[in-house]
Amino acid sequence: MTTQQSAHVFPEEQVAGSGPVGKGGHVVRDGECISSLAAQNGLLVADIFDHPANVELKAVRGDPNILLTRDRLTIPPVERKKEDHPTGQKTTFVLAGEPVFLRIQLLDRDRPLDGKPFTLVVGGLTIQDTTKPDGTLEARIPPGATTGLLRVGTGADLIQITLKLGALSPVASNEGVQERLQNLGFDCGPIDGIVGPLTRGAVRHFQAKFGLAPDGILGPPTRALLKEKHGC
């Protein structure tokens, strides 16, 4: 089994949000994001993300769907409303909710996998379509879904990918860097938060490919470019 040992941390790698942030009674677990938490609690994303008690979390994370395990937040109670309607008549109530979309771009050696048939199985739904010219696919998914299965292509060209939804860590964290490197095809070994030789090597390859000095250091320019190339 390949492992990597802890390495020296450079001053420019000490960035805000590299560890858990926020306050509140809910401790974020692996695979949770505010979209899933809102759906589970009958709330809108803004009810949680814009809540005054979560101002620190919002300022540091910036994206309601990218949280770090062990972040803390406040989940407010559902506001109860009373509606008066005459008896003996049919009354329709509409439950407020928000759509959640999954968007993925598929590349093979930087070339988009365009026009490929795909089947996405997620949250009890089966979605079939073809990828767009830029290799992307987009589908509306249940907000509480945490896993999915994606099949792209047919026959000998069939690709099967197990999806872990809502589990992307912030790019400020070592885990978030490793997750993005792996998704972009740069092998950094296990997602363990350890910036050892494997991760340093993957960072150097990423930097060299996209025009940065290949020093292997996770400074702000490298993290920003990694977030840009990954899309989030």
Protein backbone atom coordinates (compact mmCIF):
# COMPACT_ATOMS: atom_id res chain seq x y z
CA MET A 1 0.00 0.00 0.00
CA THR A 2 1.31 3.44 -0.92
CA THR A 3 1.47 5.98 1.89
CA GLN A 4 2.85 9.45 2.37
CA GLN A 5 4.39 11.08 5.40
CA SER A 6 3.63 14.52 6.74
CA ALA A 7 5.74 17.26 5.14
CA HIS A 8 6.87 20.75 6.03
CA VAL A 9 4.17 23.43 5.94
CA PHE A 10 5.25 26.60 4.16
CA PRO A 11 4.13 30.01 5.49
CA GLU A 12 2.09 30.74 2.34
CA GLU A 13 0.14 27.54 2.91
CA GLN A 14 -1.38 28.80 6.15
CA VAL A 15 -4.68 30.12 4.81
CA ALA A 16 -7.96 31.02 6.47
CA GLY A 17 -10.50 28.22 6.54
CA SER A 18 -8.01 25.36 6.43
CA GLY A 19 -9.65 23.96 9.56
CA PRO A 20 -13.22 23.83 10.88
CA VAL A 21 -15.00 27.17 11.28
CA GLY A 22 -18.31 28.44 12.57
CA LYS A 23 -20.41 28.10 15.69
CA GLY A 24 -23.66 26.39 16.47
CA GLY A 25 -25.16 23.14 17.60
CA HIS A 26 -24.77 21.15 14.38
CA VAL A 27 -21.40 19.65 13.57
CA VAL A 28 -21.07 18.95 9.83
CA ARG A 29 -20.58 15.28 9.00
CA ASP A 30 -18.94 13.80 5.94
CA GLY A 31 -21.20 14.20 2.91
CA GLU A 32 -23.34 16.99 4.34
CA CYS A 33 -23.88 20.36 2.70
CA ILE A 34 -26.39 23.11 3.38
CA SER A 35 -28.64 21.98 0.51
CA SER A 36 -29.02 18.55 2.08
CA LEU A 37 -29.42 19.96 5.59
CA ALA A 38 -32.08 22.40 4.39
CA ALA A 39 -34.02 19.61 2.69
CA GLN A 40 -33.83 17.39 5.76
CA ASN A 41 -35.12 20.16 8.02
CA GLY A 42 -37.85 21.62 5.79
CA LEU A 43 -35.92 24.85 5.22
CA LEU A 44 -34.52 26.84 2.32
CA VAL A 45 -30.77 27.14 1.81
CA ALA A 46 -30.94 30.85 2.65
CA ASP A 47 -32.70 30.09 5.95
CA ILE A 48 -29.48 28.44 7.13
CA PHE A 49 -26.70 30.11 5.14
CA ASP A 50 -27.98 33.66 5.72
CA HIS A 51 -28.86 33.12 9.37
CA PRO A 52 -27.10 35.69 11.60
CA ALA A 53 -25.62 32.90 13.74
CA ASN A 54 -23.82 31.53 10.67
CA VAL A 55 -22.19 34.78 9.54
CA GLU A 56 -18.65 33.51 10.21
CA LEU A 57 -19.25 30.27 8.32
CA LYS A 58 -20.71 32.14 5.34
CA ALA A 59 -17.85 34.64 5.23
CA VAL A 60 -15.16 31.95 5.22
CA ARG A 61 -16.78 29.25 3.09
CA GLY A 62 -18.62 31.46 0.59
CA ASP A 63 -20.43 28.49 -0.98
CA PRO A 64 -23.32 26.77 0.84
CA ASN A 65 -22.51 23.44 -0.79
CA ILE A 66 -18.83 23.28 0.15
CA LEU A 67 -18.33 22.64 3.83
CA LEU A 68 -15.55 21.01 5.80
CA THR A 69 -16.25 18.08 8.07
CA ARG A 70 -16.48 19.38 11.65
CA ASP A 71 -17.60 22.87 10.62
CA ARG A 72 -20.30 24.08 13.00
CA LEU A 73 -23.53 25.86 12.13
CA THR A 74 -26.93 26.77 13.49
CA ILE A 75 -29.99 25.18 11.95
CA PRO A 76 -32.97 27.41 12.85
CA PRO A 77 -36.35 25.89 13.67
CA VAL A 78 -39.03 25.82 11.00
CA GLU A 79 -41.23 28.89 11.23
CA ARG A 80 -44.81 27.81 11.81
CA LYS A 81 -47.55 29.69 9.99
CA LYS A 82 -51.29 29.68 10.56
CA GLU A 83 -53.67 30.03 7.64
CA ASP A 84 -57.41 30.57 7.99
CA HIS A 85 -59.58 28.90 5.37
CA PRO A 86 -63.30 28.12 5.25
CA THR A 87 -64.33 24.57 6.05
CA GLY A 88 -66.01 22.39 3.48
CA GLN A 89 -63.76 23.59 0.69
CA LYS A 90 -60.68 22.06 -0.89
CA THR A 91 -57.52 24.03 -0.11
CA THR A 92 -54.21 23.46 -1.85
CA PHE A 93 -50.90 24.23 -0.15
CA VAL A 94 -47.62 24.36 -2.02
CA LEU A 95 -44.51 23.20 -0.17
CA ALA A 96 -41.60 25.56 -0.81
CA GLY A 97 -38.44 23.88 -1.97
CA GLU A 98 -35.36 24.48 -4.04
CA PRO A 99 -34.08 22.52 -7.01
CA VAL A 100 -30.61 20.99 -6.77
CA PHE A 101 -28.61 20.29 -9.90
CA LEU A 102 -25.62 18.04 -10.46
CA ARG A 103 -23.20 19.26 -13.12
CA ILE A 104 -20.16 17.25 -14.23
CA GLN A 105 -17.69 17.74 -17.05
CA LEU A 106 -16.13 14.59 -18.49
CA LEU A 107 -12.75 14.77 -20.22
CA ASP A 108 -10.43 12.18 -21.72
CA ARG A 109 -6.86 13.58 -21.88
CA ASP A 110 -8.36 17.08 -21.86
CA ARG A 111 -10.73 16.26 -24.71
CA PRO A 112 -14.47 16.56 -23.90
CA LEU A 113 -16.50 13.35 -24.01
CA ASP A 114 -19.24 14.92 -26.12
CA GLY A 115 -22.40 13.24 -27.37
CA LYS A 116 -21.94 10.22 -25.11
CA PRO A 117 -25.06 8.49 -23.75
CA PHE A 118 -25.16 8.43 -19.97
CA THR A 119 -27.30 6.94 -17.23
CA LEU A 120 -27.35 8.59 -13.83
CA VAL A 121 -28.87 6.71 -10.89
CA VAL A 122 -29.32 8.92 -7.82
CA GLY A 123 -31.83 9.20 -5.01
CA GLY A 124 -34.12 6.55 -6.48
CA LEU A 125 -34.18 8.28 -9.87
CA THR A 126 -32.74 7.04 -13.17
CA ILE A 127 -31.85 9.80 -15.62
CA GLN A 128 -30.76 9.09 -19.20
CA ASP A 129 -29.44 11.60 -21.71
CA THR A 130 -26.30 12.47 -23.71
CA THR A 131 -23.35 14.69 -22.78
CA LYS A 132 -23.12 18.18 -24.26
CA PRO A 133 -20.44 19.32 -26.76
CA ASP A 134 -18.16 20.45 -23.93
CA GLY A 135 -18.48 17.07 -22.21
CA THR A 136 -20.83 18.28 -19.49
CA LEU A 137 -23.98 16.71 -18.17
CA GLU A 138 -26.51 18.40 -15.94
CA ALA A 139 -29.44 16.84 -14.10
CA ARG A 140 -31.82 17.84 -11.36
CA ILE A 141 -31.35 15.55 -8.37
CA PRO A 142 -33.04 15.10 -4.97
CA PRO A 143 -31.51 17.62 -2.53
CA GLY A 144 -30.88 14.99 0.12
CA ALA A 145 -28.99 12.58 -2.14
CA THR A 146 -25.49 11.70 -0.93
CA THR A 147 -24.41 9.04 -3.45
CA GLY A 148 -25.01 8.20 -7.07
CA LEU A 149 -23.87 6.00 -9.91
CA LEU A 150 -22.95 7.36 -13.34
CA ARG A 151 -22.48 5.23 -16.47
CA VAL A 152 -21.15 6.91 -19.59
CA GLY A 153 -20.75 5.36 -23.05
CA THR A 154 -21.55 1.84 -24.23
CA GLY A 155 -19.88 -1.53 -24.74
CA ALA A 156 -16.11 -1.59 -24.39
CA ASP A 157 -16.10 2.21 -23.93
CA LEU A 158 -18.43 2.10 -20.92
CA ILE A 159 -17.20 4.18 -17.96
CA GLN A 160 -18.76 3.67 -14.52
CA ILE A 161 -18.24 6.27 -11.79
CA THR A 162 -19.44 6.13 -8.18
CA LEU A 163 -20.41 9.63 -7.08
CA LYS A 164 -20.12 11.01 -3.57
CA LEU A 165 -22.43 14.01 -3.53
CA GLY A 166 -22.13 17.03 -1.26
CA ALA A 167 -18.75 15.87 0.00
CA LEU A 168 -16.37 18.36 -1.63
CA SER A 169 -14.21 20.07 0.98
CA PRO A 170 -13.13 23.74 0.74
CA VAL A 171 -10.03 24.38 -1.35
CA ALA A 172 -8.49 26.04 1.71
CA SER A 173 -8.21 22.60 3.31
CA ASN A 174 -5.68 19.93 2.38
CA GLU A 175 -8.52 17.47 1.79
CA GLY A 176 -10.16 19.93 -0.60
CA VAL A 177 -6.91 20.28 -2.55
CA GLN A 178 -6.52 16.51 -2.80
CA GLU A 179 -10.13 15.98 -3.88
CA ARG A 180 -9.79 18.50 -6.70
CA LEU A 181 -6.45 17.11 -7.83
CA GLN A 182 -7.91 13.60 -8.01
CA ASN A 183 -11.00 14.79 -9.87
CA LEU A 184 -8.76 16.55 -12.41
CA GLY A 185 -6.67 13.42 -12.96
CA PHE A 186 -3.61 14.24 -10.82
CA ASP A 187 -2.91 11.25 -8.57
CA CYS A 188 -2.08 12.43 -5.06
CA GLY A 189 -2.70 9.16 -3.24
CA PRO A 190 -5.35 8.83 -0.51
CA ILE A 191 -7.55 11.74 0.52
CA ASP A 192 -6.06 12.01 4.00
CA GLY A 193 -5.24 15.70 4.44
CA ILE A 194 -1.51 14.96 4.55
CA VAL A 195 0.58 17.05 2.17
CA GLY A 196 3.34 14.51 1.69
CA PRO A 197 5.48 13.54 -1.33
CA LEU A 198 2.53 12.17 -3.36
CA THR A 199 0.48 15.33 -2.93
CA ARG A 200 3.50 17.59 -3.55
CA GLY A 201 4.19 15.71 -6.78
CA ALA A 202 0.59 16.04 -7.95
CA VAL A 203 0.66 19.76 -7.15
CA ARG A 204 3.86 20.21 -9.17
CA HIS A 205 2.33 18.41 -12.15
CA PHE A 206 -0.79 20.60 -11.89
CA GLN A 207 1.28 23.78 -11.64
CA ALA A 208 3.47 22.87 -14.60
CA LYS A 209 0.47 22.02 -16.78
CA PHE A 210 -1.30 25.31 -16.11
CA GLY A 211 1.63 27.71 -16.22
CA LEU A 212 2.65 28.16 -12.58
CA ALA A 213 6.13 27.65 -11.16
CA PRO A 214 6.20 23.91 -10.28
CA ASP A 215 7.37 24.32 -6.68
CA GLY A 216 4.71 22.06 -5.12
CA ILE A 217 3.71 24.79 -2.65
CA LEU A 218 0.00 25.30 -2.02
CA GLY A 219 0.03 29.08 -1.97
CA PRO A 220 -3.03 31.25 -2.76
CA PRO A 221 -2.35 31.38 -6.56
CA THR A 222 -2.23 27.57 -6.78
CA ARG A 223 -5.38 27.13 -4.69
CA ALA A 224 -7.22 29.78 -6.74
CA LEU A 225 -6.22 28.15 -10.04
CA LEU A 226 -7.15 24.72 -8.73
CA LYS A 227 -10.60 25.99 -7.78
CA GLU A 228 -10.98 27.64 -11.21
CA LYS A 229 -9.98 24.56 -13.20
CA HIS A 230 -12.17 22.31 -11.05
CA GLY A 231 -15.13 24.65 -11.41
CA CYS A 232 -15.79 25.13 -7.69
